């Protein structure tokens, strides 16, 4: 069974890493849940405004948000019971990492696209 990944900060803009991640995870066979406050569709996949709107479980979340927003979203990730959290470059400010740890996460501070064996440059 494919793992379910929430791309938090998913974007319709194909130049942004929040979009590249959606495409990379889809390419690798993950069940992808784009999370974007505007909903709609991203790369043909229905987007949710929040992880709390997603029915069922989410195996991992990869965060592509500026720190001021990412820090607040961590509470939702904890409430949803997501165990694996990636804080990508730009989303990994010290205060966000500290908040993640305070919530019991052991955040992975790295590019999740690279973490699944892909390269962001493969997704122009």
PDB file of N, CA and C in Angstrom:
ATOM      1  N   UNK A   1       0.845  -1.184   0.000  1.00  0.00           N
ATOM      2  CA  UNK A   1       0.000   0.000   0.000  1.00  0.00           C
ATOM      3  C   UNK A   1       0.892   1.249   0.000  1.00  0.00           C
ATOM      4  N   UNK A   2       0.510   2.224  -0.777  1.00  0.00           N
ATOM      5  CA  UNK A   2       1.284   3.465  -0.860  1.00  0.00           C
ATOM      6  C   UNK A   2       1.166   4.245   0.444  1.00  0.00           C
ATOM      7  N   UNK A   3       2.221   4.944   0.764  1.00  0.00           N
ATOM      8  CA  UNK A   3       2.184   5.814   1.937  1.00  0.00           C
ATOM      9  C   UNK A   3       1.432   7.080   1.593  1.00  0.00           C
ATOM     10  N   UNK A   4       0.766   7.631   2.588  1.00  0.00           N
ATOM     11  CA  UNK A   4      -0.009   8.853   2.410  1.00  0.00           C
ATOM     12  C   UNK A   4       0.820  10.027   2.921  1.00  0.00           C
ATOM     13  N   UNK A   5       1.062  10.998   2.039  1.00  0.00           N
ATOM     14  CA  UNK A   5       1.861  12.165   2.396  1.00  0.00           C
ATOM     15  C   UNK A   5       1.051  13.435   2.179  1.00  0.00           C
ATOM     16  N   UNK A   6       1.084  14.305   3.180  1.00  0.00           N
ATOM     17  CA  UNK A   6       0.484  15.630   3.057  1.00  0.00           C
ATOM     18  C   UNK A   6       1.589  16.610   2.692  1.00  0.00           C
ATOM     19  N   UNK A   7       1.414  17.299   1.582  1.00  0.00           N
ATOM     20  CA  UNK A   7       2.350  18.357   1.193  1.00  0.00           C
ATOM     21  C   UNK A   7       1.735  19.657   1.695  1.00  0.00           C
ATOM     22  N   UNK A   8       2.233  20.120   2.834  1.00  0.00           N
ATOM     23  CA  UNK A   8       1.665  21.280   3.512  1.00  0.00           C
ATOM     24  C   UNK A   8       2.339  22.536   2.965  1.00  0.00           C
ATOM     25  N   UNK A   9       1.538  23.340   2.283  1.00  0.00           N
ATOM     26  CA  UNK A   9       2.082  24.482   1.560  1.00  0.00           C
ATOM     27  C   UNK A   9       2.181  24.165   0.080  1.00  0.00           C
ATOM     28  N   UNK A  10       1.382  23.199  -0.366  1.00  0.00           N
ATOM     29  CA  UNK A  10       1.343  22.848  -1.790  1.00  0.00           C
ATOM     30  C   UNK A  10       0.931  24.070  -2.601  1.00  0.00           C
ATOM     31  N   UNK A  11       1.512  24.202  -3.771  1.00  0.00           N
ATOM     32  CA  UNK A  11       1.293  25.380  -4.609  1.00  0.00           C
ATOM     33  C   UNK A  11       0.882  24.974  -6.018  1.00  0.00           C
ATOM     34  N   UNK A  12       0.110  25.834  -6.646  1.00  0.00           N
ATOM     35  CA  UNK A  12      -0.231  25.631  -8.053  1.00  0.00           C
ATOM     36  C   UNK A  12       0.902  26.104  -8.968  1.00  0.00           C
ATOM     37  N   UNK A  13       1.794  26.923  -8.439  1.00  0.00           N
ATOM     38  CA  UNK A  13       2.921  27.472  -9.189  1.00  0.00           C
ATOM     39  C   UNK A  13       3.992  26.389  -9.337  1.00  0.00           C
ATOM     40  N   UNK A  14       4.174  25.901 -10.555  1.00  0.00           N
ATOM     41  CA  UNK A  14       5.092  24.790 -10.797  1.00  0.00           C
ATOM     42  C   UNK A  14       6.552  25.139 -10.500  1.00  0.00           C
ATOM     43  N   UNK A  15       6.885  26.404 -10.339  1.00  0.00           N
ATOM     44  CA  UNK A  15       8.256  26.799 -10.001  1.00  0.00           C
ATOM     45  C   UNK A  15       8.534  26.639  -8.508  1.00  0.00           C
ATOM     46  N   UNK A  16       7.501  26.539  -7.692  1.00  0.00           N
ATOM     47  CA  UNK A  16       7.678  26.485  -6.238  1.00  0.00           C
ATOM     48  C   UNK A  16       7.872  25.047  -5.763  1.00  0.00           C
ATOM     49  N   UNK A  17       8.652  24.922  -4.703  1.00  0.00           N
ATOM     50  CA  UNK A  17       8.952  23.604  -4.168  1.00  0.00           C
ATOM     51  C   UNK A  17       7.709  22.903  -3.634  1.00  0.00           C
ATOM     52  N   UNK A  18       6.718  23.657  -3.193  1.00  0.00           N
ATOM     53  CA  UNK A  18       5.467  23.058  -2.745  1.00  0.00           C
ATOM     54  C   UNK A  18       4.705  22.389  -3.873  1.00  0.00           C
ATOM     55  N   UNK A  19       5.014  22.737  -5.110  1.00  0.00           N
ATOM     56  CA  UNK A  19       4.437  22.055  -6.270  1.00  0.00           C
ATOM     57  C   UNK A  19       5.360  20.920  -6.719  1.00  0.00           C
ATOM     58  N   UNK A  20       6.652  21.201  -6.745  1.00  0.00           N
ATOM     59  CA  UNK A  20       7.616  20.171  -7.141  1.00  0.00           C
ATOM     60  C   UNK A  20       7.470  18.931  -6.249  1.00  0.00           C
ATOM     61  N   UNK A  21       7.207  19.160  -4.956  1.00  0.00           N
ATOM     62  CA  UNK A  21       7.035  18.037  -4.028  1.00  0.00           C
ATOM     63  C   UNK A  21       5.807  17.211  -4.386  1.00  0.00           C
ATOM     64  N   UNK A  22       4.709  17.869  -4.726  1.00  0.00           N
ATOM     65  CA  UNK A  22       3.506  17.134  -5.133  1.00  0.00           C
ATOM     66  C   UNK A  22       3.849  16.222  -6.306  1.00  0.00           C
ATOM     67  N   UNK A  23       4.522  16.771  -7.308  1.00  0.00           N
ATOM     68  CA  UNK A  23       4.857  15.979  -8.497  1.00  0.00           C
ATOM     69  C   UNK A  23       5.842  14.854  -8.183  1.00  0.00           C
ATOM     70  N   UNK A  24       6.844  15.144  -7.352  1.00  0.00           N
ATOM     71  CA  UNK A  24       7.851  14.131  -7.020  1.00  0.00           C
ATOM     72  C   UNK A  24       7.234  12.964  -6.247  1.00  0.00           C
ATOM     73  N   UNK A  25       6.407  13.273  -5.266  1.00  0.00           N
ATOM     74  CA  UNK A  25       5.780  12.205  -4.483  1.00  0.00           C
ATOM     75  C   UNK A  25       4.804  11.395  -5.334  1.00  0.00           C
ATOM     76  N   UNK A  26       4.066  12.057  -6.214  1.00  0.00           N
ATOM     77  CA  UNK A  26       3.187  11.326  -7.131  1.00  0.00           C
ATOM     78  C   UNK A  26       4.010  10.386  -8.009  1.00  0.00           C
ATOM     79  N   UNK A  27       5.128  10.894  -8.528  1.00  0.00           N
ATOM     80  CA  UNK A  27       6.000  10.088  -9.387  1.00  0.00           C
ATOM     81  C   UNK A  27       6.504   8.846  -8.664  1.00  0.00           C
ATOM     82  N   UNK A  28       6.738   8.964  -7.366  1.00  0.00           N
ATOM     83  CA  UNK A  28       7.245   7.843  -6.569  1.00  0.00           C
ATOM     84  C   UNK A  28       6.134   6.919  -6.060  1.00  0.00           C
ATOM     85  N   UNK A  29       4.881   7.214  -6.426  1.00  0.00           N
ATOM     86  CA  UNK A  29       3.788   6.311  -6.072  1.00  0.00           C
ATOM     87  C   UNK A  29       3.104   6.566  -4.746  1.00  0.00           C
ATOM     88  N   UNK A  30       3.376   7.696  -4.137  1.00  0.00           N
ATOM     89  CA  UNK A  30       2.709   8.042  -2.882  1.00  0.00           C
ATOM     90  C   UNK A  30       1.271   8.480  -3.147  1.00  0.00           C
ATOM     91  N   UNK A  31       0.415   8.308  -2.153  1.00  0.00           N
ATOM     92  CA  UNK A  31      -0.898   8.942  -2.158  1.00  0.00           C
ATOM     93  C   UNK A  31      -0.664  10.353  -1.629  1.00  0.00           C
ATOM     94  N   UNK A  32      -0.850  11.348  -2.481  1.00  0.00           N
ATOM     95  CA  UNK A  32      -0.493  12.726  -2.148  1.00  0.00           C
ATOM     96  C   UNK A  32      -1.736  13.535  -1.802  1.00  0.00           C
ATOM     97  N   UNK A  33      -1.636  14.267  -0.704  1.00  0.00           N
ATOM     98  CA  UNK A  33      -2.691  15.166  -0.257  1.00  0.00           C
ATOM     99  C   UNK A  33      -2.128  16.585  -0.238  1.00  0.00           C
ATOM    100  N   UNK A  34      -2.385  17.371  -1.276  1.00  0.00           N
ATOM    101  CA  UNK A  34      -1.930  18.759  -1.240  1.00  0.00           C
ATOM    102  C   UNK A  34      -2.721  19.527  -0.176  1.00  0.00           C
ATOM    103  N   UNK A  35      -2.013  20.289   0.630  1.00  0.00           N
ATOM    104  CA  UNK A  35      -2.657  21.119   1.647  1.00  0.00           C
ATOM    105  C   UNK A  35      -2.412  22.572   1.269  1.00  0.00           C
ATOM    106  N   UNK A  36      -3.512  23.272   0.982  1.00  0.00           N
ATOM    107  CA  UNK A  36      -3.459  24.675   0.559  1.00  0.00           C
ATOM    108  C   UNK A  36      -4.751  25.319   1.039  1.00  0.00           C
ATOM    109  N   UNK A  37      -4.659  26.466   1.726  1.00  0.00           N
ATOM    110  CA  UNK A  37      -5.872  27.069   2.293  1.00  0.00           C
ATOM    111  C   UNK A  37      -6.948  27.405   1.266  1.00  0.00           C
ATOM    112  N   UNK A  38      -6.568  27.484  -0.005  1.00  0.00           N
ATOM    113  CA  UNK A  38      -7.544  27.817  -1.047  1.00  0.00           C
ATOM    114  C   UNK A  38      -8.229  26.588  -1.644  1.00  0.00           C
ATOM    115  N   UNK A  39      -7.821  25.395  -1.216  1.00  0.00           N
ATOM    116  CA  UNK A  39      -8.448  24.178  -1.730  1.00  0.00           C
ATOM    117  C   UNK A  39      -8.244  24.022  -3.222  1.00  0.00           C
ATOM    118  N   UNK A  40      -9.270  23.568  -3.928  1.00  0.00           N
ATOM    119  CA  UNK A  40      -9.188  23.371  -5.373  1.00  0.00           C
ATOM    120  C   UNK A  40      -8.400  22.130  -5.729  1.00  0.00           C
ATOM    121  N   UNK A  41      -7.670  22.208  -6.833  1.00  0.00           N
ATOM    122  CA  UNK A  41      -6.862  21.091  -7.316  1.00  0.00           C
ATOM    123  C   UNK A  41      -5.439  21.568  -7.560  1.00  0.00           C
ATOM    124  N   UNK A  42      -4.486  20.718  -7.234  1.00  0.00           N
ATOM    125  CA  UNK A  42      -3.077  20.986  -7.510  1.00  0.00           C
ATOM    126  C   UNK A  42      -2.530  19.760  -8.231  1.00  0.00           C
ATOM    127  N   UNK A  43      -2.050  19.975  -9.446  1.00  0.00           N
ATOM    128  CA  UNK A  43      -1.557  18.885 -10.293  1.00  0.00           C
ATOM    129  C   UNK A  43      -2.621  17.794 -10.452  1.00  0.00           C
ATOM    130  N   UNK A  44      -3.874  18.221 -10.542  1.00  0.00           N
ATOM    131  CA  UNK A  44      -4.973  17.292 -10.761  1.00  0.00           C
ATOM    132  C   UNK A  44      -5.452  16.553  -9.525  1.00  0.00           C
ATOM    133  N   UNK A  45      -4.865  16.867  -8.382  1.00  0.00           N
ATOM    134  CA  UNK A  45      -5.211  16.192  -7.132  1.00  0.00           C
ATOM    135  C   UNK A  45      -6.012  17.158  -6.258  1.00  0.00           C
ATOM    136  N   UNK A  46      -7.132  16.716  -5.681  1.00  0.00           N
ATOM    137  CA  UNK A  46      -7.906  17.600  -4.805  1.00  0.00           C
ATOM    138  C   UNK A  46      -7.064  18.064  -3.618  1.00  0.00           C
ATOM    139  N   UNK A  47      -7.114  19.364  -3.352  1.00  0.00           N
ATOM    140  CA  UNK A  47      -6.371  19.945  -2.232  1.00  0.00           C
ATOM    141  C   UNK A  47      -7.311  20.185  -1.056  1.00  0.00           C
ATOM    142  N   UNK A  48      -6.769  20.064   0.131  1.00  0.00           N
ATOM    143  CA  UNK A  48      -7.504  20.321   1.368  1.00  0.00           C
ATOM    144  C   UNK A  48      -6.987  21.610   1.988  1.00  0.00           C
ATOM    145  N   UNK A  49      -7.872  22.338   2.656  1.00  0.00           N
ATOM    146  CA  UNK A  49      -7.475  23.586   3.302  1.00  0.00           C
ATOM    147  C   UNK A  49      -6.593  23.327   4.519  1.00  0.00           C
ATOM    148  N   UNK A  50      -6.763  22.184   5.157  1.00  0.00           N
ATOM    149  CA  UNK A  50      -6.024  21.847   6.373  1.00  0.00           C
ATOM    150  C   UNK A  50      -5.885  20.332   6.457  1.00  0.00           C
ATOM    151  N   UNK A  51      -4.858  19.862   7.152  1.00  0.00           N
ATOM    152  CA  UNK A  51      -4.745  18.420   7.372  1.00  0.00           C
ATOM    153  C   UNK A  51      -5.922  17.916   8.190  1.00  0.00           C
ATOM    154  N   UNK A  52      -6.525  18.790   8.978  1.00  0.00           N
ATOM    155  CA  UNK A  52      -7.668  18.389   9.796  1.00  0.00           C
ATOM    156  C   UNK A  52      -8.903  18.101   8.951  1.00  0.00           C
ATOM    157  N   UNK A  53      -8.915  18.566   7.708  1.00  0.00           N
ATOM    158  CA  UNK A  53     -10.032  18.303   6.796  1.00  0.00           C
ATOM    159  C   UNK A  53      -9.901  16.961   6.079  1.00  0.00           C
ATOM    160  N   UNK A  54      -8.758  16.327   6.204  1.00  0.00           N
ATOM    161  CA  UNK A  54      -8.480  15.077   5.494  1.00  0.00           C
ATOM    162  C   UNK A  54      -9.104  13.906   6.250  1.00  0.00           C
ATOM    163  N   UNK A  55      -9.943  13.110   5.570  1.00  0.00           N
ATOM    164  CA  UNK A  55     -10.449  11.905   6.235  1.00  0.00           C
ATOM    165  C   UNK A  55      -9.350  10.842   6.277  1.00  0.00           C
ATOM    166  N   UNK A  56      -9.323  10.068   7.319  1.00  0.00           N
ATOM    167  CA  UNK A  56      -8.336   8.998   7.414  1.00  0.00           C
ATOM    168  C   UNK A  56      -6.997   9.467   7.945  1.00  0.00           C
ATOM    169  N   UNK A  57      -6.032   8.565   7.876  1.00  0.00           N
ATOM    170  CA  UNK A  57      -4.718   8.842   8.447  1.00  0.00           C
ATOM    171  C   UNK A  57      -3.751   9.375   7.394  1.00  0.00           C
ATOM    172  N   UNK A  58      -2.760  10.070   7.887  1.00  0.00           N
ATOM    173  CA  UNK A  58      -1.678  10.609   7.063  1.00  0.00           C
ATOM    174  C   UNK A  58      -0.382  10.075   7.655  1.00  0.00           C
ATOM    175  N   UNK A  59       0.437   9.441   6.826  1.00  0.00           N
ATOM    176  CA  UNK A  59       1.683   8.849   7.309  1.00  0.00           C
ATOM    177  C   UNK A  59       2.780   9.872   7.551  1.00  0.00           C
ATOM    178  N   UNK A  60       2.846  10.861   6.674  1.00  0.00           N
ATOM    179  CA  UNK A  60       3.899  11.864   6.830  1.00  0.00           C
ATOM    180  C   UNK A  60       3.434  13.197   6.280  1.00  0.00           C
ATOM    181  N   UNK A  61       4.039  14.252   6.804  1.00  0.00           N
ATOM    182  CA  UNK A  61       3.785  15.598   6.300  1.00  0.00           C
ATOM    183  C   UNK A  61       5.119  16.212   5.935  1.00  0.00           C
ATOM    184  N   UNK A  62       5.144  16.864   4.795  1.00  0.00           N
ATOM    185  CA  UNK A  62       6.323  17.605   4.374  1.00  0.00           C
ATOM    186  C   UNK A  62       5.904  19.065   4.264  1.00  0.00           C
ATOM    187  N   UNK A  63       6.592  19.924   5.000  1.00  0.00           N
ATOM    188  CA  UNK A  63       6.152  21.308   5.186  1.00  0.00           C
ATOM    189  C   UNK A  63       6.960  22.265   4.316  1.00  0.00           C
ATOM    190  N   UNK A  64       6.224  23.048   3.528  1.00  0.00           N
ATOM    191  CA  UNK A  64       6.791  24.088   2.662  1.00  0.00           C
ATOM    192  C   UNK A  64       6.092  25.397   2.987  1.00  0.00           C
ATOM    193  N   UNK A  65       6.323  25.906   4.172  1.00  0.00           N
ATOM    194  CA  UNK A  65       5.679  27.141   4.619  1.00  0.00           C
ATOM    195  C   UNK A  65       6.713  28.047   5.262  1.00  0.00           C
ATOM    196  N   UNK A  66       6.456  29.352   5.160  1.00  0.00           N
ATOM    197  CA  UNK A  66       7.326  30.267   5.884  1.00  0.00           C
ATOM    198  C   UNK A  66       7.166  30.001   7.381  1.00  0.00           C
ATOM    199  N   UNK A  67       8.209  30.249   8.170  1.00  0.00           N
ATOM    200  CA  UNK A  67       8.191  29.880   9.581  1.00  0.00           C
ATOM    201  C   UNK A  67       6.993  30.405  10.376  1.00  0.00           C
ATOM    202  N   UNK A  68       6.552  31.620  10.126  1.00  0.00           N
ATOM    203  CA  UNK A  68       5.441  32.166  10.915  1.00  0.00           C
ATOM    204  C   UNK A  68       4.161  31.356  10.728  1.00  0.00           C
ATOM    205  N   UNK A  69       3.975  30.790   9.559  1.00  0.00           N
ATOM    206  CA  UNK A  69       2.796  29.960   9.282  1.00  0.00           C
ATOM    207  C   UNK A  69       3.059  28.518   9.713  1.00  0.00           C
ATOM    208  N   UNK A  70       4.233  28.022   9.396  1.00  0.00           N
ATOM    209  CA  UNK A  70       4.583  26.645   9.738  1.00  0.00           C
ATOM    210  C   UNK A  70       4.498  26.357  11.220  1.00  0.00           C
ATOM    211  N   UNK A  71       4.896  27.322  12.016  1.00  0.00           N
ATOM    212  CA  UNK A  71       4.856  27.155  13.469  1.00  0.00           C
ATOM    213  C   UNK A  71       3.428  26.888  13.947  1.00  0.00           C
ATOM    214  N   UNK A  72       2.462  27.591  13.367  1.00  0.00           N
ATOM    215  CA  UNK A  72       1.049  27.416  13.747  1.00  0.00           C
ATOM    216  C   UNK A  72       0.485  26.095  13.231  1.00  0.00           C
ATOM    217  N   UNK A  73       0.905  25.685  12.061  1.00  0.00           N
ATOM    218  CA  UNK A  73       0.382  24.463  11.440  1.00  0.00           C
ATOM    219  C   UNK A  73       0.828  23.207  12.191  1.00  0.00           C
ATOM    220  N   UNK A  74       1.944  23.277  12.884  1.00  0.00           N
ATOM    221  CA  UNK A  74       2.436  22.109  13.620  1.00  0.00           C
ATOM    222  C   UNK A  74       1.399  21.565  14.597  1.00  0.00           C
ATOM    223  N   UNK A  75       0.626  22.447  15.213  1.00  0.00           N
ATOM    224  CA  UNK A  75      -0.415  21.999  16.140  1.00  0.00           C
ATOM    225  C   UNK A  75      -1.438  21.118  15.424  1.00  0.00           C
ATOM    226  N   UNK A  76      -1.775  21.482  14.190  1.00  0.00           N
ATOM    227  CA  UNK A  76      -2.723  20.682  13.411  1.00  0.00           C
ATOM    228  C   UNK A  76      -2.125  19.320  13.058  1.00  0.00           C
ATOM    229  N   UNK A  77      -0.839  19.299  12.738  1.00  0.00           N
ATOM    230  CA  UNK A  77      -0.178  18.032  12.422  1.00  0.00           C
ATOM    231  C   UNK A  77      -0.199  17.108  13.638  1.00  0.00           C
ATOM    232  N   UNK A  78       0.036  17.683  14.814  1.00  0.00           N
ATOM    233  CA  UNK A  78       0.003  16.892  16.049  1.00  0.00           C
ATOM    234  C   UNK A  78      -1.412  16.396  16.331  1.00  0.00           C
ATOM    235  N   UNK A  79      -2.398  17.270  16.170  1.00  0.00           N
ATOM    236  CA  UNK A  79      -3.791  16.885  16.412  1.00  0.00           C
ATOM    237  C   UNK A  79      -4.223  15.759  15.473  1.00  0.00           C
ATOM    238  N   UNK A  80      -3.735  15.782  14.249  1.00  0.00           N
ATOM    239  CA  UNK A  80      -4.077  14.763  13.253  1.00  0.00           C
ATOM    240  C   UNK A  80      -3.367  13.435  13.532  1.00  0.00           C
ATOM    241  N   UNK A  81      -2.338  13.474  14.367  1.00  0.00           N
ATOM    242  CA  UNK A  81      -1.621  12.250  14.706  1.00  0.00           C
ATOM    243  C   UNK A  81      -0.559  11.847  13.700  1.00  0.00           C
ATOM    244  N   UNK A  82      -0.092  12.805  12.928  1.00  0.00           N
ATOM    245  CA  UNK A  82       0.959  12.530  11.942  1.00  0.00           C
ATOM    246  C   UNK A  82       2.272  12.316  12.692  1.00  0.00           C
ATOM    247  N   UNK A  83       2.956  11.239  12.386  1.00  0.00           N
ATOM    248  CA  UNK A  83       4.173  10.914  13.128  1.00  0.00           C
ATOM    249  C   UNK A  83       5.449  11.405  12.468  1.00  0.00           C
ATOM    250  N   UNK A  84       5.496  11.409  11.147  1.00  0.00           N
ATOM    251  CA  UNK A  84       6.721  11.794  10.435  1.00  0.00           C
ATOM    252  C   UNK A  84       6.541  13.179   9.829  1.00  0.00           C
ATOM    253  N   UNK A  85       7.403  14.107  10.246  1.00  0.00           N
ATOM    254  CA  UNK A  85       7.305  15.493   9.778  1.00  0.00           C
ATOM    255  C   UNK A  85       8.645  15.937   9.213  1.00  0.00           C
ATOM    256  N   UNK A  86       8.601  16.413   7.973  1.00  0.00           N
ATOM    257  CA  UNK A  86       9.775  16.980   7.310  1.00  0.00           C
ATOM    258  C   UNK A  86       9.626  18.493   7.294  1.00  0.00           C
ATOM    259  N   UNK A  87      10.654  19.187   7.752  1.00  0.00           N
ATOM    260  CA  UNK A  87      10.714  20.646   7.651  1.00  0.00           C
ATOM    261  C   UNK A  87      11.766  20.957   6.595  1.00  0.00           C
ATOM    262  N   UNK A  88      11.294  21.362   5.448  1.00  0.00           N
ATOM    263  CA  UNK A  88      12.166  21.610   4.306  1.00  0.00           C
ATOM    264  C   UNK A  88      12.934  22.915   4.465  1.00  0.00           C
ATOM    265  N   UNK A  89      14.029  23.090   3.721  1.00  0.00           N
ATOM    266  CA  UNK A  89      14.775  24.344   3.788  1.00  0.00           C
ATOM    267  C   UNK A  89      13.847  25.542   3.600  1.00  0.00           C
ATOM    268  N   UNK A  90      13.977  26.496   4.496  1.00  0.00           N
ATOM    269  CA  UNK A  90      13.110  27.670   4.487  1.00  0.00           C
ATOM    270  C   UNK A  90      11.954  27.542   5.462  1.00  0.00           C
ATOM    271  N   UNK A  91      11.606  26.308   5.812  1.00  0.00           N
ATOM    272  CA  UNK A  91      10.537  26.057   6.785  1.00  0.00           C
ATOM    273  C   UNK A  91      11.120  25.602   8.118  1.00  0.00           C
ATOM    274  N   UNK A  92      12.440  25.546   8.196  1.00  0.00           N
ATOM    275  CA  UNK A  92      13.126  24.927   9.330  1.00  0.00           C
ATOM    276  C   UNK A  92      13.778  25.924  10.289  1.00  0.00           C
ATOM    277  N   UNK A  93      13.129  27.063  10.487  1.00  0.00           N
ATOM    278  CA  UNK A  93      13.659  28.060  11.423  1.00  0.00           C
ATOM    279  C   UNK A  93      13.744  27.456  12.828  1.00  0.00           C
ATOM    280  N   UNK A  94      14.674  27.970  13.621  1.00  0.00           N
ATOM    281  CA  UNK A  94      14.894  27.432  14.969  1.00  0.00           C
ATOM    282  C   UNK A  94      13.610  27.359  15.783  1.00  0.00           C
ATOM    283  N   UNK A  95      12.786  28.399  15.709  1.00  0.00           N
ATOM    284  CA  UNK A  95      11.560  28.409  16.524  1.00  0.00           C
ATOM    285  C   UNK A  95      10.562  27.349  16.050  1.00  0.00           C
ATOM    286  N   UNK A  96      10.556  27.048  14.759  1.00  0.00           N
ATOM    287  CA  UNK A  96       9.669  26.008  14.226  1.00  0.00           C
ATOM    288  C   UNK A  96      10.162  24.636  14.683  1.00  0.00           C
ATOM    289  N   UNK A  97      11.454  24.425  14.610  1.00  0.00           N
ATOM    290  CA  UNK A  97      12.041  23.160  15.059  1.00  0.00           C
ATOM    291  C   UNK A  97      11.771  22.964  16.548  1.00  0.00           C
ATOM    292  N   UNK A  98      11.952  24.021  17.335  1.00  0.00           N
ATOM    293  CA  UNK A  98      11.706  23.936  18.780  1.00  0.00           C
ATOM    294  C   UNK A  98      10.245  23.600  19.065  1.00  0.00           C
ATOM    295  N   UNK A  99       9.324  24.226  18.340  1.00  0.00           N
ATOM    296  CA  UNK A  99       7.893  23.952  18.530  1.00  0.00           C
ATOM    297  C   UNK A  99       7.577  22.510  18.138  1.00  0.00           C
ATOM    298  N   UNK A 100       8.149  22.047  17.046  1.00  0.00           N
ATOM    299  CA  UNK A 100       7.925  20.664  16.611  1.00  0.00           C
ATOM    300  C   UNK A 100       8.386  19.690  17.693  1.00  0.00           C
ATOM    301  N   UNK A 101       9.550  19.935  18.242  1.00  0.00           N
ATOM    302  CA  UNK A 101      10.075  19.051  19.287  1.00  0.00           C
ATOM    303  C   UNK A 101       9.220  19.116  20.542  1.00  0.00           C
ATOM    304  N   UNK A 102       8.733  20.315  20.882  1.00  0.00           N
ATOM    305  CA  UNK A 102       7.867  20.469  22.056  1.00  0.00           C
ATOM    306  C   UNK A 102       6.570  19.676  21.898  1.00  0.00           C
ATOM    307  N   UNK A 103       6.131  19.504  20.661  1.00  0.00           N
ATOM    308  CA  UNK A 103       4.911  18.738  20.386  1.00  0.00           C
ATOM    309  C   UNK A 103       5.173  17.232  20.288  1.00  0.00           C
ATOM    310  N   UNK A 104       6.433  16.845  20.441  1.00  0.00           N
ATOM    311  CA  UNK A 104       6.777  15.428  20.420  1.00  0.00           C
ATOM    312  C   UNK A 104       7.269  14.901  19.085  1.00  0.00           C
ATOM    313  N   UNK A 105       7.386  15.778  18.101  1.00  0.00           N
ATOM    314  CA  UNK A 105       7.918  15.355  16.809  1.00  0.00           C
ATOM    315  C   UNK A 105       9.437  15.239  16.877  1.00  0.00           C
ATOM    316  N   UNK A 106       9.981  14.400  16.035  1.00  0.00           N
ATOM    317  CA  UNK A 106      11.416  14.372  15.764  1.00  0.00           C
ATOM    318  C   UNK A 106      11.519  14.801  14.305  1.00  0.00           C
ATOM    319  N   UNK A 107      11.516  16.120  14.065  1.00  0.00           N
ATOM    320  CA  UNK A 107      11.429  16.600  12.684  1.00  0.00           C
ATOM    321  C   UNK A 107      12.673  16.254  11.872  1.00  0.00           C
ATOM    322  N   UNK A 108      12.433  15.948  10.616  1.00  0.00           N
ATOM    323  CA  UNK A 108      13.524  15.696   9.679  1.00  0.00           C
ATOM    324  C   UNK A 108      13.798  17.014   8.974  1.00  0.00           C
ATOM    325  N   UNK A 109      15.007  17.527   9.140  1.00  0.00           N
ATOM    326  CA  UNK A 109      15.376  18.838   8.611  1.00  0.00           C
ATOM    327  C   UNK A 109      16.147  18.646   7.316  1.00  0.00           C
ATOM    328  N   UNK A 110      15.414  18.483   6.250  1.00  0.00           N
ATOM    329  CA  UNK A 110      16.038  18.197   4.966  1.00  0.00           C
ATOM    330  C   UNK A 110      14.990  18.373   3.878  1.00  0.00           C
ATOM    331  N   UNK A 111      15.429  18.333   2.645  1.00  0.00           N
ATOM    332  CA  UNK A 111      14.517  18.417   1.510  1.00  0.00           C
ATOM    333  C   UNK A 111      13.869  17.049   1.301  1.00  0.00           C
ATOM    334  N   UNK A 112      12.563  16.980   1.452  1.00  0.00           N
ATOM    335  CA  UNK A 112      11.875  15.690   1.325  1.00  0.00           C
ATOM    336  C   UNK A 112      11.909  15.158  -0.103  1.00  0.00           C
ATOM    337  N   UNK A 113      12.038  16.035  -1.076  1.00  0.00           N
ATOM    338  CA  UNK A 113      12.136  15.580  -2.469  1.00  0.00           C
ATOM    339  C   UNK A 113      13.406  14.743  -2.633  1.00  0.00           C
ATOM    340  N   UNK A 114      14.509  15.248  -2.122  1.00  0.00           N
ATOM    341  CA  UNK A 114      15.773  14.513  -2.154  1.00  0.00           C
ATOM    342  C   UNK A 114      15.659  13.260  -1.286  1.00  0.00           C
ATOM    343  N   UNK A 115      14.937  13.382  -0.177  1.00  0.00           N
ATOM    344  CA  UNK A 115      14.768  12.264   0.746  1.00  0.00           C
ATOM    345  C   UNK A 115      14.085  11.052   0.137  1.00  0.00           C
ATOM    346  N   UNK A 116      13.296  11.257  -0.915  1.00  0.00           N
ATOM    347  CA  UNK A 116      12.645  10.121  -1.581  1.00  0.00           C
ATOM    348  C   UNK A 116      13.388   9.713  -2.856  1.00  0.00           C
ATOM    349  N   UNK A 117      14.592  10.259  -3.022  1.00  0.00           N
ATOM    350  CA  UNK A 117      15.425   9.852  -4.150  1.00  0.00           C
ATOM    351  C   UNK A 117      15.179  10.608  -5.439  1.00  0.00           C
ATOM    352  N   UNK A 118      14.562  11.764  -5.336  1.00  0.00           N
ATOM    353  CA  UNK A 118      14.297  12.600  -6.507  1.00  0.00           C
ATOM    354  C   UNK A 118      15.160  13.860  -6.424  1.00  0.00           C
ATOM    355  N   UNK A 119      15.163  14.631  -7.497  1.00  0.00           N
ATOM    356  CA  UNK A 119      15.876  15.905  -7.523  1.00  0.00           C
ATOM    357  C   UNK A 119      14.896  17.007  -7.910  1.00  0.00           C
ATOM    358  N   UNK A 120      14.879  18.105  -7.166  1.00  0.00           N
ATOM    359  CA  UNK A 120      13.971  19.199  -7.523  1.00  0.00           C
ATOM    360  C   UNK A 120      14.163  19.701  -8.952  1.00  0.00           C
ATOM    361  N   UNK A 121      15.385  19.610  -9.478  1.00  0.00           N
ATOM    362  CA  UNK A 121      15.621  20.100 -10.843  1.00  0.00           C
ATOM    363  C   UNK A 121      14.938  19.222 -11.889  1.00  0.00           C
ATOM    364  N   UNK A 122      14.516  18.033 -11.498  1.00  0.00           N
ATOM    365  CA  UNK A 122      13.783  17.151 -12.413  1.00  0.00           C
ATOM    366  C   UNK A 122      12.344  17.606 -12.622  1.00  0.00           C
ATOM    367  N   UNK A 123      11.925  18.603 -11.842  1.00  0.00           N
ATOM    368  CA  UNK A 123      10.544  19.087 -11.893  1.00  0.00           C
ATOM    369  C   UNK A 123      10.532  20.587 -12.169  1.00  0.00           C
ATOM    370  N   UNK A 124      10.807  20.966 -13.438  1.00  0.00           N
ATOM    371  CA  UNK A 124      10.877  22.404 -13.772  1.00  0.00           C
ATOM    372  C   UNK A 124       9.504  23.066 -13.725  1.00  0.00           C
TER     373      UNK A 124
END
